[in-house]
Amino acid sequence: MQEIAMTILDIVQNAIRAKATLIRIHIIDSFQNNKIHIEISDNGCGMSQEMLEKVINPFFTTRTTRPIGLGIPMFKESVEATGGTFSIHSQEGLGTTIIGVYTKDHLDTPPMGNLVETMITLIQYDEHIRYVFKYQENDFEFDLDTLEIQDILDDVPINQPEIILWLKDYIKEGMRK
């Protein structure tokens, strides 16, 4: 069973390959609603309606490094296995939004995994991508916008080792994990 954090990493890699410069990740982990809502949106190249219908097929990929694409189909299957819902919307030239809502207490719901490491991995990858990360757990909320961090840093790249170490602690403390 793949962790949710690893699924997010995989989906965001698709956005990076689609030339996104802004990627939003919003997670709502709600005990009251018994749901884990995952929403990932980007401003990448987007997809045609025909391509959108194909990406949920595990035997379709636009990648040349392997003959199948498992990220989106596995996310869809994982969410639906819990009785949850999955949707994907895209428009060419505007980007893509993927939403998966897990039933929290279902036996097949994967563990959350390490969201801190996932975010740090993504931020390290390319200093020019803006991430807006929002995590909500009941009444608790943590927000991170890498543009705000970059404004404070002035001309220092956000993916410098010292900054990454600080960011890791900042996210860890902010998420109380």
C-alpha atoms as a PDB file:
ATOM      1  CA  MET A   1       0.000   0.000   0.000  1.00  0.00           C
ATOM      2  CA  GLN A   2       1.578   3.272  -1.124  1.00  0.00           C
ATOM      3  CA  GLU A   3       1.511   6.190   1.301  1.00  0.00           C
ATOM      4  CA  ILE A   4      -0.535   9.260   0.400  1.00  0.00           C
ATOM      5  CA  ALA A   5       2.603  11.434   0.562  1.00  0.00           C
ATOM      6  CA  MET A   6       4.279   9.291  -2.106  1.00  0.00           C
ATOM      7  CA  THR A   7       1.188   9.510  -4.291  1.00  0.00           C
ATOM      8  CA  ILE A   8       1.299  13.308  -3.976  1.00  0.00           C
ATOM      9  CA  LEU A   9       4.965  13.256  -4.993  1.00  0.00           C
ATOM     10  CA  ASP A  10       4.126  11.195  -8.068  1.00  0.00           C
ATOM     11  CA  ILE A  11       1.218  13.416  -9.123  1.00  0.00           C
ATOM     12  CA  VAL A  12       3.290  16.583  -8.641  1.00  0.00           C
ATOM     13  CA  GLN A  13       6.050  15.113 -10.814  1.00  0.00           C
ATOM     14  CA  ASN A  14       3.444  14.979 -13.591  1.00  0.00           C
ATOM     15  CA  ALA A  15       2.793  18.705 -13.057  1.00  0.00           C
ATOM     16  CA  ILE A  16       6.520  19.435 -13.214  1.00  0.00           C
ATOM     17  CA  ARG A  17       6.799  17.510 -16.500  1.00  0.00           C
ATOM     18  CA  ALA A  18       3.842  19.605 -17.739  1.00  0.00           C
ATOM     19  CA  LYS A  19       5.998  22.734 -17.187  1.00  0.00           C
ATOM     20  CA  ALA A  20       4.008  24.028 -14.209  1.00  0.00           C
ATOM     21  CA  THR A  21       5.448  27.049 -12.414  1.00  0.00           C
ATOM     22  CA  LEU A  22       2.724  27.094  -9.743  1.00  0.00           C
ATOM     23  CA  ILE A  23       1.615  23.946  -7.949  1.00  0.00           C
ATOM     24  CA  ARG A  24      -1.006  23.979  -5.194  1.00  0.00           C
ATOM     25  CA  ILE A  25      -1.332  21.085  -2.768  1.00  0.00           C
ATOM     26  CA  HIS A  26      -4.275  21.197  -0.368  1.00  0.00           C
ATOM     27  CA  ILE A  27      -4.908  18.445   2.159  1.00  0.00           C
ATOM     28  CA  ILE A  28      -7.877  18.334   4.523  1.00  0.00           C
ATOM     29  CA  ASP A  29      -7.609  15.525   7.067  1.00  0.00           C
ATOM     30  CA  SER A  30     -10.953  15.610   8.869  1.00  0.00           C
ATOM     31  CA  PHE A  31     -11.995  13.341  11.715  1.00  0.00           C
ATOM     32  CA  GLN A  32     -15.441  14.985  11.851  1.00  0.00           C
ATOM     33  CA  ASN A  33     -16.192  14.227   8.188  1.00  0.00           C
ATOM     34  CA  ASN A  34     -14.214  10.961   8.156  1.00  0.00           C
ATOM     35  CA  LYS A  35     -12.497  12.137   4.951  1.00  0.00           C
ATOM     36  CA  ILE A  36      -9.007  12.879   3.683  1.00  0.00           C
ATOM     37  CA  HIS A  37      -9.339  15.384   0.852  1.00  0.00           C
ATOM     38  CA  ILE A  38      -6.306  15.711  -1.452  1.00  0.00           C
ATOM     39  CA  GLU A  39      -6.314  18.412  -4.128  1.00  0.00           C
ATOM     40  CA  ILE A  40      -3.388  19.082  -6.434  1.00  0.00           C
ATOM     41  CA  SER A  41      -3.615  21.783  -9.069  1.00  0.00           C
ATOM     42  CA  ASP A  42      -1.082  23.283 -11.434  1.00  0.00           C
ATOM     43  CA  ASN A  43      -0.704  25.880 -14.150  1.00  0.00           C
ATOM     44  CA  GLY A  44       1.087  23.499 -16.521  1.00  0.00           C
ATOM     45  CA  CYS A  45       0.284  22.843 -20.161  1.00  0.00           C
ATOM     46  CA  GLY A  46      -2.974  21.046 -19.354  1.00  0.00           C
ATOM     47  CA  MET A  47      -4.557  18.268 -21.378  1.00  0.00           C
ATOM     48  CA  SER A  48      -7.123  17.889 -24.117  1.00  0.00           C
ATOM     49  CA  GLN A  49     -10.366  16.059 -23.344  1.00  0.00           C
ATOM     50  CA  GLU A  50      -9.054  13.059 -25.282  1.00  0.00           C
ATOM     51  CA  MET A  51      -5.825  12.965 -23.261  1.00  0.00           C
ATOM     52  CA  LEU A  52      -7.772  13.436 -20.014  1.00  0.00           C
ATOM     53  CA  GLU A  53      -9.769  10.294 -20.739  1.00  0.00           C
ATOM     54  CA  LYS A  54      -6.582   8.343 -21.439  1.00  0.00           C
ATOM     55  CA  VAL A  55      -4.572   9.332 -18.329  1.00  0.00           C
ATOM     56  CA  ILE A  56      -6.709   7.241 -16.001  1.00  0.00           C
ATOM     57  CA  ASN A  57      -5.651   4.152 -17.967  1.00  0.00           C
ATOM     58  CA  PRO A  58      -2.532   2.554 -16.394  1.00  0.00           C
ATOM     59  CA  PHE A  59      -1.369   1.341 -19.813  1.00  0.00           C
ATOM     60  CA  PHE A  60      -1.136   4.860 -21.215  1.00  0.00           C
ATOM     61  CA  THR A  61       1.729   7.267 -20.672  1.00  0.00           C
ATOM     62  CA  THR A  62       3.337  10.185 -22.454  1.00  0.00           C
ATOM     63  CA  ARG A  63       6.685   9.299 -20.878  1.00  0.00           C
ATOM     64  CA  THR A  64       9.383   7.667 -22.939  1.00  0.00           C
ATOM     65  CA  THR A  65      11.222   6.135 -19.970  1.00  0.00           C
ATOM     66  CA  ARG A  66       8.619   3.442 -19.291  1.00  0.00           C
ATOM     67  CA  PRO A  67       5.665   2.023 -21.201  1.00  0.00           C
ATOM     68  CA  ILE A  68       2.994   2.565 -18.548  1.00  0.00           C
ATOM     69  CA  GLY A  69       1.851   5.467 -16.368  1.00  0.00           C
ATOM     70  CA  LEU A  70       0.694   4.407 -12.925  1.00  0.00           C
ATOM     71  CA  GLY A  71       0.468   7.592 -10.832  1.00  0.00           C
ATOM     72  CA  ILE A  72      -2.980   8.901 -11.709  1.00  0.00           C
ATOM     73  CA  PRO A  73      -4.649   5.488 -12.242  1.00  0.00           C
ATOM     74  CA  MET A  74      -3.258   4.176  -8.927  1.00  0.00           C
ATOM     75  CA  PHE A  75      -4.417   7.305  -7.096  1.00  0.00           C
ATOM     76  CA  LYS A  76      -7.904   6.919  -8.598  1.00  0.00           C
ATOM     77  CA  GLU A  77      -8.059   3.217  -7.742  1.00  0.00           C
ATOM     78  CA  SER A  78      -6.734   3.795  -4.212  1.00  0.00           C
ATOM     79  CA  VAL A  79      -9.313   6.506  -3.485  1.00  0.00           C
ATOM     80  CA  GLU A  80     -12.229   4.575  -4.969  1.00  0.00           C
ATOM     81  CA  ALA A  81     -11.232   1.405  -3.069  1.00  0.00           C
ATOM     82  CA  THR A  82     -12.098   3.280   0.142  1.00  0.00           C
ATOM     83  CA  GLY A  83     -15.514   4.348  -1.139  1.00  0.00           C
ATOM     84  CA  GLY A  84     -14.086   7.786  -1.860  1.00  0.00           C
ATOM     85  CA  THR A  85     -14.307   9.966  -4.935  1.00  0.00           C
ATOM     86  CA  PHE A  86     -11.828  10.963  -7.628  1.00  0.00           C
ATOM     87  CA  SER A  87     -11.974  13.697 -10.236  1.00  0.00           C
ATOM     88  CA  ILE A  88      -9.597  15.223 -12.727  1.00  0.00           C
ATOM     89  CA  HIS A  89     -10.139  18.435 -14.674  1.00  0.00           C
ATOM     90  CA  SER A  90      -7.798  19.951 -17.201  1.00  0.00           C
ATOM     91  CA  GLN A  91      -7.745  22.555 -19.903  1.00  0.00           C
ATOM     92  CA  GLU A  92      -5.029  22.923 -22.483  1.00  0.00           C
ATOM     93  CA  GLY A  93      -2.810  25.907 -21.724  1.00  0.00           C
ATOM     94  CA  LEU A  94      -4.318  26.427 -18.256  1.00  0.00           C
ATOM     95  CA  GLY A  95      -3.378  23.404 -16.168  1.00  0.00           C
ATOM     96  CA  THR A  96      -4.827  20.463 -14.323  1.00  0.00           C
ATOM     97  CA  THR A  97      -6.628  19.812 -11.033  1.00  0.00           C
ATOM     98  CA  ILE A  98      -6.808  16.367  -9.471  1.00  0.00           C
ATOM     99  CA  ILE A  99      -8.981  15.703  -6.422  1.00  0.00           C
ATOM    100  CA  GLY A 100      -9.123  12.510  -4.418  1.00  0.00           C
ATOM    101  CA  VAL A 101     -11.231  12.082  -1.309  1.00  0.00           C
ATOM    102  CA  TYR A 102     -10.503   9.023   0.824  1.00  0.00           C
ATOM    103  CA  THR A 103     -12.840   7.581   3.431  1.00  0.00           C
ATOM    104  CA  LYS A 104     -10.582   8.044   6.437  1.00  0.00           C
ATOM    105  CA  ASP A 105     -11.457   4.997   8.537  1.00  0.00           C
ATOM    106  CA  HIS A 106     -11.653   2.523   5.643  1.00  0.00           C
ATOM    107  CA  LEU A 107      -9.368  -0.500   5.877  1.00  0.00           C
ATOM    108  CA  ASP A 108      -7.861   0.277   2.448  1.00  0.00           C
ATOM    109  CA  THR A 109      -7.015   3.917   3.173  1.00  0.00           C
ATOM    110  CA  PRO A 110      -3.229   4.232   2.954  1.00  0.00           C
ATOM    111  CA  PRO A 111      -1.233   5.928   5.707  1.00  0.00           C
ATOM    112  CA  MET A 112      -0.484   9.628   5.223  1.00  0.00           C
ATOM    113  CA  GLY A 113       3.264   9.120   5.118  1.00  0.00           C
ATOM    114  CA  ASN A 114       5.864  11.833   5.527  1.00  0.00           C
ATOM    115  CA  LEU A 115       4.441  15.046   4.081  1.00  0.00           C
ATOM    116  CA  VAL A 116       7.413  17.041   5.371  1.00  0.00           C
ATOM    117  CA  GLU A 117       9.892  14.993   3.337  1.00  0.00           C
ATOM    118  CA  THR A 118       7.600  15.107   0.307  1.00  0.00           C
ATOM    119  CA  MET A 119       7.444  18.906   0.383  1.00  0.00           C
ATOM    120  CA  ILE A 120      11.192  19.224   0.958  1.00  0.00           C
ATOM    121  CA  THR A 121      11.905  16.884  -1.963  1.00  0.00           C
ATOM    122  CA  LEU A 122       9.685  18.960  -4.245  1.00  0.00           C
ATOM    123  CA  ILE A 123      11.102  22.326  -3.150  1.00  0.00           C
ATOM    124  CA  GLN A 124      14.664  21.091  -3.630  1.00  0.00           C
ATOM    125  CA  TYR A 125      13.975  19.959  -7.170  1.00  0.00           C
ATOM    126  CA  ASP A 126      13.529  23.344  -8.847  1.00  0.00           C
ATOM    127  CA  GLU A 127      13.817  26.734  -7.166  1.00  0.00           C
ATOM    128  CA  HIS A 128      11.654  28.334  -9.877  1.00  0.00           C
ATOM    129  CA  ILE A 129       8.499  26.383  -9.062  1.00  0.00           C
ATOM    130  CA  ARG A 130       6.160  28.060  -6.609  1.00  0.00           C
ATOM    131  CA  TYR A 131       4.445  25.701  -4.183  1.00  0.00           C
ATOM    132  CA  VAL A 132       1.380  26.692  -2.209  1.00  0.00           C
ATOM    133  CA  PHE A 133       0.896  23.976   0.409  1.00  0.00           C
ATOM    134  CA  LYS A 134      -2.059  23.951   2.778  1.00  0.00           C
ATOM    135  CA  TYR A 135      -2.664  21.263   5.379  1.00  0.00           C
ATOM    136  CA  GLN A 136      -5.787  21.250   7.528  1.00  0.00           C
ATOM    137  CA  GLU A 137      -6.541  18.796  10.291  1.00  0.00           C
ATOM    138  CA  ASN A 138      -9.841  19.552  11.996  1.00  0.00           C
ATOM    139  CA  ASP A 139      -9.371  23.057  13.505  1.00  0.00           C
ATOM    140  CA  PHE A 140      -5.617  23.160  12.802  1.00  0.00           C
ATOM    141  CA  GLU A 141      -4.181  24.733   9.653  1.00  0.00           C
ATOM    142  CA  PHE A 142      -0.671  25.103   8.225  1.00  0.00           C
ATOM    143  CA  ASP A 143       0.111  27.184   5.137  1.00  0.00           C
ATOM    144  CA  LEU A 144       3.339  27.440   3.184  1.00  0.00           C
ATOM    145  CA  ASP A 145       3.897  29.562   0.100  1.00  0.00           C
ATOM    146  CA  THR A 146       7.410  29.274  -1.290  1.00  0.00           C
ATOM    147  CA  LEU A 147       7.051  32.689  -2.960  1.00  0.00           C
ATOM    148  CA  GLU A 148       6.781  34.292   0.492  1.00  0.00           C
ATOM    149  CA  ILE A 149       9.926  32.452   1.605  1.00  0.00           C
ATOM    150  CA  GLN A 150      11.764  33.476  -1.562  1.00  0.00           C
ATOM    151  CA  ASP A 151      10.788  37.126  -1.011  1.00  0.00           C
ATOM    152  CA  ILE A 152      12.395  36.992   2.436  1.00  0.00           C
ATOM    153  CA  LEU A 153      15.507  35.297   1.037  1.00  0.00           C
ATOM    154  CA  ASP A 154      15.938  38.040  -1.553  1.00  0.00           C
ATOM    155  CA  ASP A 155      18.382  36.563  -4.103  1.00  0.00           C
ATOM    156  CA  VAL A 156      19.345  33.404  -2.211  1.00  0.00           C
ATOM    157  CA  PRO A 157      17.943  30.299  -3.955  1.00  0.00           C
ATOM    158  CA  ILE A 158      15.359  28.482  -1.852  1.00  0.00           C
ATOM    159  CA  ASN A 159      16.922  25.097  -2.624  1.00  0.00           C
ATOM    160  CA  GLN A 160      20.264  25.862  -0.954  1.00  0.00           C
ATOM    161  CA  PRO A 161      21.156  23.198   1.660  1.00  0.00           C
ATOM    162  CA  GLU A 162      20.991  25.618   4.628  1.00  0.00           C
ATOM    163  CA  ILE A 163      17.594  26.928   3.520  1.00  0.00           C
ATOM    164  CA  ILE A 164      16.279  23.399   2.942  1.00  0.00           C
ATOM    165  CA  LEU A 165      17.321  22.367   6.468  1.00  0.00           C
ATOM    166  CA  TRP A 166      15.571  25.429   7.897  1.00  0.00           C
ATOM    167  CA  LEU A 167      12.474  24.778   5.764  1.00  0.00           C
ATOM    168  CA  LYS A 168      12.343  21.168   6.910  1.00  0.00           C
ATOM    169  CA  ASP A 169      12.286  22.279  10.559  1.00  0.00           C
ATOM    170  CA  TYR A 170       9.796  25.045   9.777  1.00  0.00           C
ATOM    171  CA  ILE A 171       7.354  22.658   8.076  1.00  0.00           C
ATOM    172  CA  LYS A 172       7.821  20.010  10.772  1.00  0.00           C
ATOM    173  CA  GLU A 173       7.102  22.529  13.544  1.00  0.00           C
ATOM    174  CA  GLY A 174       4.259  24.108  11.586  1.00  0.00           C
ATOM    175  CA  MET A 175       2.548  20.790  11.053  1.00  0.00           C
ATOM    176  CA  ARG A 176       3.204  19.694  14.665  1.00  0.00           C
ATOM    177  CA  LYS A 177       4.574  16.408  13.366  1.00  0.00           C
END
